[in-house]
Amino acid sequence: MSGALPGDDCGRDWIWDREVETASHDQQVALADQAWKEQAATLAKRSAFHAERLPNLSAIGSVRDLHLLPTMAKADTRRALEDDPPFGTNLGAAPADVKRVFQTSGSSGRPSVIALTANDVGAWSVIGSRSYYATGIHAHHSVLTTFGAGPFVAGATHATLDKIGVRRVPVGPGDLERVLAAMESGLVDTLLATPSFALYLASVFDERGIAGSELGVQHLVVGGEPGGGIPAVRNRIENAFAAHLTEAAGIGDVSPSLYGECPAQDGMHFCGQGLVWPELVDPDTEASIAIEAGAVGEIVYTALVREAMPVVRFRSGDIVEITDTSCSCERTSFKVRILGRSDDTFIVRGVNVYPAAIQSVIAEFEPRVTGRSRVVLPEEAGVSVEPPIPVEVEVLDDAVIEADLGGKIEAALRSRLVFRAAITFVSRSDFGDADYKTRPVIRRPDNQGGA
């Protein structure tokens, strides 16, 4: 599906910042430079973390020269927090000015924090409203959101929807019966969910004999994980609901909403103009890559106005493909598809393999499978692994599996992705995580054990 959303007048409640979102590249650079000059001066004075790491920060007069600075990673922000809890040496603002704190699970499983001042909350709201407005969510829509409003940054989406002015119908993650009740009653026309949960709903429709086309949902916006941009996954969800699907994405350390895909469905627009500066780099060498159609690399971000816990050249870990740098919707920012996470990528005999690419192949076998899958690697394995690669594929609990289905999927993976896989089918009740995200790669001791 493409074009305007069903029944939507794109000229109605048009609240997006046309001057910023249709600016030329040079105008976007000028806007970013204006914010960067103030941010650089502030970081040098208020952030011990950045003053120590970047002693020549004041010499960077333009965002075009940010590539001259070293990158930072999640491990750097974690160390900053550990050095001076609870907000870290990179706070950049007085502790009393911190007005919102989100939590996120660290590598050890112990929650770390993401702190925001009132101005930071406002900046997130601006970026978020641009992103979700770009997806086609406007004030006259009624939106069922399954993103939790608890400690995690996805909860900021609720404030974004309020800023746009929609009718907001919040439901907790995984609350299947309330989601179905809201749709069956005609309460909503738009659904916000992860791709995993949307696929789960599609399988529930099949099991219960629900006609998704009769629920009145005209639009789905998916985010929180890769998947919505995979053609087979997108087709499965759109066909199940007889609705239009667009994507949104972000990263908690920078902004939970940074991208929104317009109804042209050709990738997600970057929506942080003037507030966040993006770069594209080679994930192995960190060499700069030009942002142009077809380019693939890791996105690096600099927060231009962030007060609490600002980041400079933060490595996101997201591997993206630039789909275009222009669009029929008039927005001039580049568009992306997220291919996967660098920490989920593994190498099979010299070839990089992205879990999203595996999901793309497996999704083509729907409805014989649900479309959800995961790679299972030995706990002690490094980045390079030997074939065959174990892949678990979810099926409905009462599914009758064709005798040669596993072989067909293995042959398709070998033909398309040039590696040998070993397919195991797992029932939905055993697969787990059906109500929210699907972890694309899991590790088990000696590759043993069930889901």
Protein backbone atom coordinates (compact mmCIF):
# COMPACT_ATOMS: atom_id res chain seq x y z
CA MET A 1 0.00 0.00 0.00
CA SER A 2 1.17 3.56 -0.62
CA GLY A 3 -0.02 7.13 -0.89
CA ALA A 4 -2.37 9.01 1.43
CA LEU A 5 -3.91 7.14 4.30
CA PRO A 6 -7.53 6.03 3.81
CA GLY A 7 -9.91 8.85 4.64
CA ASP A 8 -7.07 11.20 5.59
CA ASP A 9 -6.87 14.80 4.40
CA CYS A 10 -3.15 15.58 4.49
CA GLY A 11 -3.95 19.28 4.67
CA ARG A 12 -5.99 18.98 7.84
CA ASP A 13 -4.44 19.93 11.24
CA TRP A 14 -1.12 20.44 9.49
CA ILE A 15 1.16 21.18 12.44
CA TRP A 16 4.59 20.15 11.19
CA ASP A 17 7.35 22.75 10.84
CA ARG A 18 7.40 23.17 7.08
CA GLU A 19 10.27 25.67 7.11
CA VAL A 20 12.55 23.24 8.97
CA GLU A 21 11.38 19.96 7.45
CA THR A 22 11.60 21.19 3.86
CA ALA A 23 14.90 23.08 4.30
CA SER A 24 17.81 22.48 1.95
CA HIS A 25 20.88 20.64 3.21
CA ASP A 26 22.83 23.88 3.56
CA GLN A 27 19.96 25.39 5.55
CA GLN A 28 19.89 22.33 7.80
CA VAL A 29 23.64 22.65 8.38
CA ALA A 30 23.23 26.35 9.26
CA LEU A 31 20.44 25.49 11.71
CA ALA A 32 22.59 22.78 13.30
CA ASP A 33 25.65 25.03 13.48
CA GLN A 34 23.69 27.65 15.37
CA ALA A 35 22.70 25.10 18.01
CA TRP A 36 26.14 23.45 18.08
CA LYS A 37 28.05 26.63 18.93
CA GLU A 38 26.00 27.13 22.08
CA GLN A 39 26.13 23.43 22.94
CA ALA A 40 29.93 23.24 22.57
CA ALA A 41 30.43 26.19 24.90
CA THR A 42 28.05 24.69 27.45
CA LEU A 43 29.70 21.26 27.38
CA ALA A 44 33.15 22.75 27.97
CA LYS A 45 31.87 24.55 31.10
CA ARG A 46 29.35 22.15 32.62
CA SER A 47 30.23 18.60 31.63
CA ALA A 48 33.37 17.19 33.24
CA PHE A 49 33.02 14.09 31.10
CA HIS A 50 33.13 16.00 27.80
CA ALA A 51 35.70 18.54 28.96
CA GLU A 52 38.10 15.70 29.75
CA ARG A 53 37.40 13.62 26.67
CA LEU A 54 37.27 16.50 24.19
CA PRO A 55 39.75 19.21 25.24
CA ASN A 56 39.67 20.72 21.73
CA LEU A 57 35.89 20.88 21.58
CA SER A 58 35.82 24.65 21.09
CA ALA A 59 37.87 24.26 17.90
CA ILE A 60 34.94 22.49 16.19
CA GLY A 61 33.01 25.44 14.79
CA SER A 62 30.64 23.51 12.51
CA VAL A 63 28.80 20.20 12.57
CA ARG A 64 30.56 19.44 9.29
CA ASP A 65 33.75 19.01 11.35
CA LEU A 66 32.35 16.80 14.09
CA HIS A 67 33.91 13.79 12.36
CA LEU A 68 37.28 15.06 13.64
CA LEU A 69 36.23 14.15 17.20
CA PRO A 70 36.35 10.62 18.62
CA THR A 71 33.15 8.63 18.88
CA MET A 72 31.59 7.52 22.14
CA ALA A 73 29.69 4.34 22.91
CA LYS A 74 27.22 3.01 25.47
CA ALA A 75 30.15 1.82 27.56
CA ASP A 76 31.36 5.44 27.88
CA THR A 77 28.00 6.69 29.17
CA ARG A 78 27.83 3.74 31.55
CA ARG A 79 31.24 4.60 32.99
CA ALA A 80 30.20 8.24 33.37
CA LEU A 81 27.21 7.11 35.43
CA GLU A 82 29.33 4.82 37.58
CA ASP A 83 31.88 7.58 38.25
CA ASP A 84 29.30 9.98 39.67
CA PRO A 85 25.87 8.44 40.34
CA PRO A 86 23.02 8.93 39.91
CA PHE A 87 23.32 11.16 36.81
CA GLY A 88 26.96 10.83 35.79
CA THR A 89 29.86 13.12 34.98
CA ASN A 90 28.25 13.98 31.63
CA LEU A 91 25.20 15.58 33.26
CA GLY A 92 25.74 19.05 31.78
CA ALA A 93 23.08 20.63 34.05
CA ALA A 94 22.43 21.17 37.74
CA PRO A 95 20.96 18.02 39.38
CA ALA A 96 18.01 20.14 40.56
CA ASP A 97 17.17 20.85 36.91
CA VAL A 98 16.62 17.15 36.15
CA LYS A 99 12.84 16.80 35.92
CA ARG A 100 12.35 13.37 34.35
CA VAL A 101 14.27 10.13 34.73
CA PHE A 102 13.78 7.03 32.61
CA GLN A 103 15.43 3.72 33.39
CA THR A 104 16.97 1.20 31.05
CA SER A 105 18.49 -2.20 31.63
CA GLY A 106 22.30 -2.17 31.57
CA SER A 107 24.49 -4.97 30.26
CA SER A 108 24.58 -6.46 33.77
CA GLY A 109 20.79 -6.27 34.03
CA ARG A 110 20.99 -3.50 36.64
CA PRO A 111 18.93 -0.47 35.57
CA SER A 112 20.81 2.65 34.53
CA VAL A 113 19.17 6.02 33.99
CA ILE A 114 18.44 8.55 31.26
CA ALA A 115 17.96 12.00 32.79
CA LEU A 116 16.14 14.94 31.17
CA THR A 117 15.68 18.59 32.04
CA ALA A 118 12.43 20.35 31.20
CA ASN A 119 14.06 21.66 28.02
CA ASP A 120 15.18 18.14 27.11
CA VAL A 121 11.64 16.88 27.53
CA GLY A 122 10.49 19.68 25.22
CA ALA A 123 13.07 18.75 22.57
CA TRP A 124 11.97 15.10 22.69
CA SER A 125 8.40 16.24 22.26
CA VAL A 126 9.29 18.31 19.18
CA ILE A 127 11.21 15.46 17.53
CA GLY A 128 8.55 12.94 18.48
CA SER A 129 5.69 15.00 17.10
CA ARG A 130 7.59 15.48 13.83
CA SER A 131 8.25 11.74 13.62
CA TYR A 132 4.74 10.52 14.37
CA TYR A 133 3.12 13.29 12.36
CA ALA A 134 5.26 12.17 9.42
CA THR A 135 3.88 8.63 9.78
CA GLY A 136 0.39 10.00 9.15
CA ILE A 137 -0.90 10.32 12.71
CA HIS A 138 -2.86 13.58 12.92
CA ALA A 139 -5.14 15.22 15.47
CA HIS A 140 -8.34 13.72 14.07
CA HIS A 141 -7.14 10.14 14.59
CA SER A 142 -7.97 7.80 17.48
CA VAL A 143 -4.79 5.96 18.45
CA LEU A 144 -4.47 2.75 20.44
CA THR A 145 -0.92 2.65 21.79
CA THR A 146 0.55 -0.53 23.24
CA PHE A 147 3.83 1.15 24.26
CA GLY A 148 4.07 1.11 28.06
CA ALA A 149 4.18 4.40 29.95
CA GLY A 150 6.36 2.95 32.72
CA PRO A 151 10.08 3.47 33.35
CA PHE A 152 11.25 3.03 29.75
CA VAL A 153 11.69 5.76 27.15
CA ALA A 154 8.91 4.38 24.94
CA GLY A 155 6.57 6.00 27.45
CA ALA A 156 7.53 9.38 25.99
CA THR A 157 5.38 8.45 23.00
CA HIS A 158 2.27 9.14 25.06
CA ALA A 159 3.24 12.80 25.52
CA THR A 160 4.04 13.02 21.80
CA LEU A 161 0.57 11.82 20.88
CA ASP A 162 -0.93 14.37 23.26
CA LYS A 163 1.11 17.12 21.57
CA ILE A 164 -0.26 16.10 18.17
CA GLY A 165 -3.75 16.18 19.69
CA VAL A 166 -5.04 12.70 18.93
CA ARG A 167 -7.57 10.74 20.90
CA ARG A 168 -5.18 8.50 22.85
CA VAL A 169 -6.28 5.06 24.03
CA PRO A 170 -3.40 3.57 26.08
CA VAL A 171 -3.14 -0.16 26.72
CA GLY A 172 -0.27 -1.90 28.49
CA PRO A 173 2.18 -4.02 26.49
CA GLY A 174 0.78 -7.48 25.83
CA ASP A 175 -2.75 -6.76 27.07
CA LEU A 176 -4.28 -8.76 24.23
CA GLU A 177 -7.90 -8.77 25.33
CA ARG A 178 -8.10 -5.00 25.85
CA VAL A 179 -6.43 -4.44 22.49
CA LEU A 180 -8.97 -6.68 20.77
CA ALA A 181 -11.86 -5.10 22.66
CA ALA A 182 -10.82 -1.58 21.65
CA MET A 183 -10.56 -2.57 17.99
CA GLU A 184 -13.74 -4.65 17.90
CA SER A 185 -15.75 -1.83 19.48
CA GLY A 186 -14.66 0.63 16.78
CA LEU A 187 -12.93 2.80 19.34
CA VAL A 188 -9.74 3.36 17.32
CA ASP A 189 -8.57 3.77 13.74
CA THR A 190 -4.81 3.63 14.39
CA LEU A 191 -2.64 1.09 16.22
CA LEU A 192 0.84 1.73 17.65
CA ALA A 193 2.82 -1.46 18.35
CA THR A 194 6.05 -3.34 17.85
CA PRO A 195 6.23 -5.45 14.66
CA SER A 196 6.35 -8.54 16.91
CA PHE A 197 3.06 -7.65 18.58
CA ALA A 198 1.43 -6.81 15.25
CA LEU A 199 2.49 -10.22 13.91
CA TYR A 200 1.17 -11.82 17.08
CA LEU A 201 -2.19 -10.13 16.54
CA ALA A 202 -2.26 -11.40 12.96
CA SER A 203 -1.79 -14.98 14.22
CA VAL A 204 -4.52 -14.44 16.85
CA PHE A 205 -6.87 -13.35 14.05
CA ASP A 206 -6.13 -16.65 12.28
CA GLU A 207 -6.69 -18.74 15.42
CA ARG A 208 -9.92 -17.03 16.47
CA GLY A 209 -11.38 -16.47 13.02
CA ILE A 210 -11.32 -12.68 13.41
CA ALA A 211 -11.68 -10.66 10.21
CA GLY A 212 -9.09 -7.91 10.66
CA SER A 213 -10.63 -5.92 7.82
CA GLU A 214 -13.79 -5.45 9.91
CA LEU A 215 -12.04 -3.94 12.94
CA GLY A 216 -11.85 -0.40 11.57
CA VAL A 217 -8.08 -0.06 11.99
CA GLN A 218 -6.90 1.85 8.93
CA HIS A 219 -3.31 2.53 9.94
CA LEU A 220 -0.58 0.79 11.94
CA VAL A 221 2.64 2.46 13.09
CA VAL A 222 5.27 -0.02 14.23
CA GLY A 223 8.54 0.63 16.03
CA GLY A 224 10.76 -0.43 18.88
CA GLU A 225 12.59 -3.07 16.83
CA PRO A 226 13.45 -3.78 13.17
CA GLY A 227 10.85 -5.63 11.12
CA GLY A 228 8.30 -3.13 9.89
CA GLY A 229 10.43 -2.36 6.85
CA ILE A 230 10.78 -6.01 5.78
CA PRO A 231 8.43 -6.44 2.78
CA ALA A 232 7.13 -9.89 3.75
CA VAL A 233 6.51 -8.83 7.36
CA ARG A 234 4.84 -5.62 6.25
CA ASN A 235 2.62 -7.46 3.77
CA ARG A 236 1.59 -10.00 6.40
CA ILE A 237 0.53 -7.26 8.85
CA GLU A 238 -1.16 -5.07 6.23
CA ASN A 239 -3.10 -8.03 4.80
CA ALA A 240 -4.18 -9.19 8.27
CA PHE A 241 -5.64 -5.77 9.09
CA ALA A 242 -6.44 -4.58 5.56
CA ALA A 243 -4.62 -1.43 6.67
CA HIS A 244 -1.67 0.81 5.85
CA LEU A 245 1.61 0.38 7.79
CA THR A 246 4.38 2.89 8.44
CA GLU A 247 7.43 2.79 10.74
CA ALA A 248 8.94 4.95 13.46
CA ALA A 249 12.25 4.58 15.29
CA GLY A 250 14.59 6.20 17.78
CA ILE A 251 17.17 5.50 20.46
CA GLY A 252 16.82 6.27 24.16
CA ASP A 253 20.27 7.82 24.61
CA VAL A 254 19.40 10.46 21.99
CA SER A 255 15.63 10.57 21.46
CA PRO A 256 13.09 7.72 21.56
CA SER A 257 11.60 9.09 18.34
CA LEU A 258 13.99 10.22 15.61
CA TYR A 259 12.47 8.84 12.44
CA GLY A 260 9.02 8.59 10.93
CA GLU A 261 7.99 6.99 7.65
CA CYS A 262 5.51 9.00 5.61
CA PRO A 263 2.66 7.34 3.69
CA ALA A 264 4.94 7.01 0.62
CA GLN A 265 6.39 3.98 2.50
CA ASP A 266 9.92 4.38 1.16
CA GLY A 267 11.87 4.54 4.42
CA MET A 268 11.78 6.60 7.61
CA HIS A 269 12.53 10.34 7.46
CA PHE A 270 15.11 11.71 9.89
CA CYS A 271 13.13 14.20 12.01
CA GLY A 272 15.72 15.68 14.38
CA GLN A 273 16.74 18.68 12.24
CA GLY A 274 18.33 21.44 14.33
CA LEU A 275 18.22 19.31 17.48
CA VAL A 276 20.32 16.26 16.62
CA TRP A 277 23.14 15.91 14.06
CA PRO A 278 23.47 12.50 12.36
CA GLU A 279 26.49 10.98 10.64
CA LEU A 280 27.00 7.69 8.82
CA VAL A 281 30.18 5.71 9.50
CA ASP A 282 31.72 2.36 8.66
CA PRO A 283 30.96 0.20 11.73
CA ASP A 284 34.42 -1.41 11.60
CA THR A 285 36.72 1.53 10.77
CA GLU A 286 34.51 4.50 11.78
CA ALA A 287 35.38 6.14 8.46
CA SER A 288 32.76 8.66 7.36
CA ILE A 289 30.28 7.58 4.70
CA ALA A 290 28.33 10.08 2.60
CA ILE A 291 24.61 10.09 3.32
CA GLU A 292 23.22 9.24 -0.10
CA ALA A 293 20.79 6.73 -1.56
CA GLY A 294 22.10 3.17 -1.25
CA ALA A 295 24.72 3.91 1.42
CA VAL A 296 24.93 1.44 4.32
CA GLY A 297 26.59 2.10 7.67
CA GLU A 298 26.16 2.80 11.37
CA ILE A 299 24.42 5.99 12.48
CA VAL A 300 26.33 8.27 14.88
CA TYR A 301 24.49 11.07 16.71
CA THR A 302 25.37 14.36 18.37
CA ALA A 303 22.73 15.96 20.60
CA LEU A 304 22.74 19.67 19.75
CA VAL A 305 20.50 20.97 22.55
CA ARG A 306 20.56 18.25 25.19
CA GLU A 307 21.27 19.55 28.70
CA ALA A 308 21.21 16.44 30.89
CA MET A 309 23.49 13.62 29.77
CA PRO A 310 24.32 15.01 26.29
CA VAL A 311 26.14 12.84 23.76
CA VAL A 312 28.72 13.80 21.11
CA ARG A 313 29.26 11.40 18.22
CA PHE A 314 27.40 8.61 19.99
CA ARG A 315 27.59 5.25 18.21
CA SER A 316 24.00 4.02 18.02
CA GLY A 317 24.76 0.44 17.00
CA ASP A 318 22.01 0.71 14.37
CA ILE A 319 23.08 -0.43 10.90
CA VAL A 320 20.96 1.39 8.33
CA GLU A 321 20.54 1.74 4.60
CA ILE A 322 19.80 5.19 3.17
CA THR A 323 16.79 4.69 0.90
CA ASP A 324 16.62 8.24 -0.49
CA THR A 325 17.31 11.91 0.20
CA SER A 326 14.11 13.37 -1.27
CA CYS A 327 10.42 12.52 -1.13
CA SER A 328 7.05 13.30 -2.64
CA CYS A 329 5.86 14.48 0.80
CA GLU A 330 8.22 17.52 0.45
CA ARG A 331 10.39 16.58 3.44
CA THR A 332 14.05 16.97 2.52
CA SER A 333 15.69 14.84 5.22
CA PHE A 334 17.23 11.49 4.31
CA LYS A 335 15.26 8.29 4.75
CA VAL A 336 16.45 4.99 6.22
CA ARG A 337 15.64 1.36 6.77
CA ILE A 338 17.22 -0.22 9.84
CA LEU A 339 18.95 -3.45 8.82
CA GLY A 340 19.78 -4.51 12.36
CA ARG A 341 21.97 -3.93 15.38
CA SER A 342 25.75 -4.19 15.16
CA ASP A 343 25.75 -6.26 18.36
CA ASP A 344 23.31 -8.74 16.78
CA THR A 345 25.36 -9.11 13.61
CA PHE A 346 27.48 -12.24 13.27
CA ILE A 347 29.88 -13.56 10.64
CA VAL A 348 29.61 -16.89 8.85
CA ARG A 349 32.76 -17.75 6.90
CA GLY A 350 33.62 -14.14 6.22
CA VAL A 351 30.09 -12.96 5.40
CA ASN A 352 28.18 -10.54 7.68
CA VAL A 353 24.70 -11.82 8.52
CA TYR A 354 21.94 -9.53 9.84
CA PRO A 355 19.08 -11.20 11.75
CA ALA A 356 16.61 -8.92 9.95
CA ALA A 357 17.71 -10.48 6.65
CA ILE A 358 16.95 -13.94 8.07
CA GLN A 359 13.54 -12.76 9.23
CA SER A 360 12.87 -11.36 5.76
CA VAL A 361 13.39 -14.78 4.17
CA ILE A 362 11.42 -16.70 6.79
CA ALA A 363 8.51 -14.25 6.64
CA GLU A 364 7.98 -15.22 3.02
CA PHE A 365 6.74 -18.62 4.25
CA GLU A 366 3.77 -17.11 6.09
CA PRO A 367 1.08 -18.15 6.96
CA ARG A 368 2.69 -21.60 7.35
CA VAL A 369 4.86 -19.86 9.97
CA THR A 370 3.95 -16.78 12.01
CA GLY A 371 6.89 -14.69 10.72
CA ARG A 372 8.77 -14.51 14.03
CA SER A 373 12.15 -16.18 14.35
CA ARG A 374 15.42 -15.98 16.23
CA VAL A 375 18.99 -17.15 15.86
CA VAL A 376 20.30 -19.31 18.71
CA LEU A 377 24.06 -19.17 19.26
CA PRO A 378 26.30 -20.83 21.83
CA GLU A 379 26.86 -18.63 24.86
CA GLU A 380 30.63 -18.79 24.43
CA ALA A 381 30.60 -18.08 20.68
CA GLY A 382 32.27 -14.94 19.37
CA VAL A 383 31.26 -12.82 16.39
CA SER A 384 32.41 -15.47 13.91
CA VAL A 385 30.35 -18.69 14.04
CA GLU A 386 30.42 -21.93 12.12
CA PRO A 387 27.45 -23.28 10.15
CA PRO A 388 24.92 -24.70 10.38
CA ILE A 389 23.36 -21.75 12.24
CA PRO A 390 20.46 -22.80 14.52
CA VAL A 391 17.31 -20.81 13.78
CA GLU A 392 14.07 -21.19 15.69
CA VAL A 393 10.91 -20.44 13.73
CA GLU A 394 7.58 -19.83 15.44
CA VAL A 395 4.43 -21.67 14.36
CA LEU A 396 0.91 -21.69 15.74
CA ASP A 397 0.29 -24.12 18.60
CA ASP A 398 -1.94 -26.37 16.51
CA ALA A 399 -0.02 -26.00 13.24
CA VAL A 400 0.40 -29.04 11.00
CA ILE A 401 3.94 -28.62 9.66
CA GLU A 402 4.69 -29.82 6.15
CA ALA A 403 7.27 -32.57 6.09
CA ASP A 404 9.69 -30.59 3.92
CA LEU A 405 8.99 -27.06 5.23
CA GLY A 406 12.19 -26.90 7.27
CA GLY A 407 14.23 -27.98 4.26
CA LYS A 408 12.59 -25.35 2.08
CA ILE A 409 13.41 -22.58 4.55
CA GLU A 410 17.00 -23.82 4.88
CA ALA A 411 17.37 -23.88 1.10
CA ALA A 412 15.97 -20.35 0.80
CA LEU A 413 18.38 -19.04 3.46
CA ARG A 414 21.34 -20.70 1.77
CA SER A 415 20.34 -19.37 -1.64
CA ARG A 416 19.67 -15.81 -0.51
CA LEU A 417 22.10 -15.32 2.38
CA VAL A 418 24.80 -17.89 1.50
CA PHE A 419 24.96 -19.79 4.79
CA ARG A 420 23.64 -23.11 6.07
CA ALA A 421 20.93 -23.00 8.72
CA ALA A 422 19.34 -25.66 10.91
CA ILE A 423 15.64 -24.91 11.33
CA THR A 424 13.69 -25.88 14.44
CA PHE A 425 9.97 -25.14 14.70
CA VAL A 426 8.75 -23.83 18.07
CA SER A 427 5.09 -23.48 19.03
CA ARG A 428 3.88 -19.98 19.87
CA SER A 429 3.21 -20.89 23.51
CA ASP A 430 6.82 -22.03 23.88
CA PHE A 431 8.47 -19.33 21.79
CA GLY A 432 7.77 -16.62 24.36
CA ASP A 433 7.78 -12.81 24.13
CA ALA A 434 4.66 -12.92 21.99
CA ASP A 435 3.28 -9.77 23.56
CA TYR A 436 6.10 -7.32 22.79
CA LYS A 437 9.58 -7.52 21.25
CA THR A 438 11.34 -10.53 19.81
CA ARG A 439 15.03 -10.86 20.59
CA PRO A 440 16.58 -11.63 17.17
CA VAL A 441 19.64 -13.38 18.62
CA ILE A 442 19.82 -15.32 21.87
CA ARG A 443 22.69 -17.26 23.40
CA ARG A 444 22.45 -20.48 25.37
CA PRO A 445 25.11 -22.62 27.06
CA ASP A 446 26.36 -25.15 24.52
CA ASN A 447 23.38 -24.20 22.34
CA GLN A 448 21.13 -26.38 24.52
CA GLY A 449 17.71 -25.92 26.07
CA GLY A 450 14.30 -24.90 24.91
CA ALA A 451 12.67 -21.50 24.52
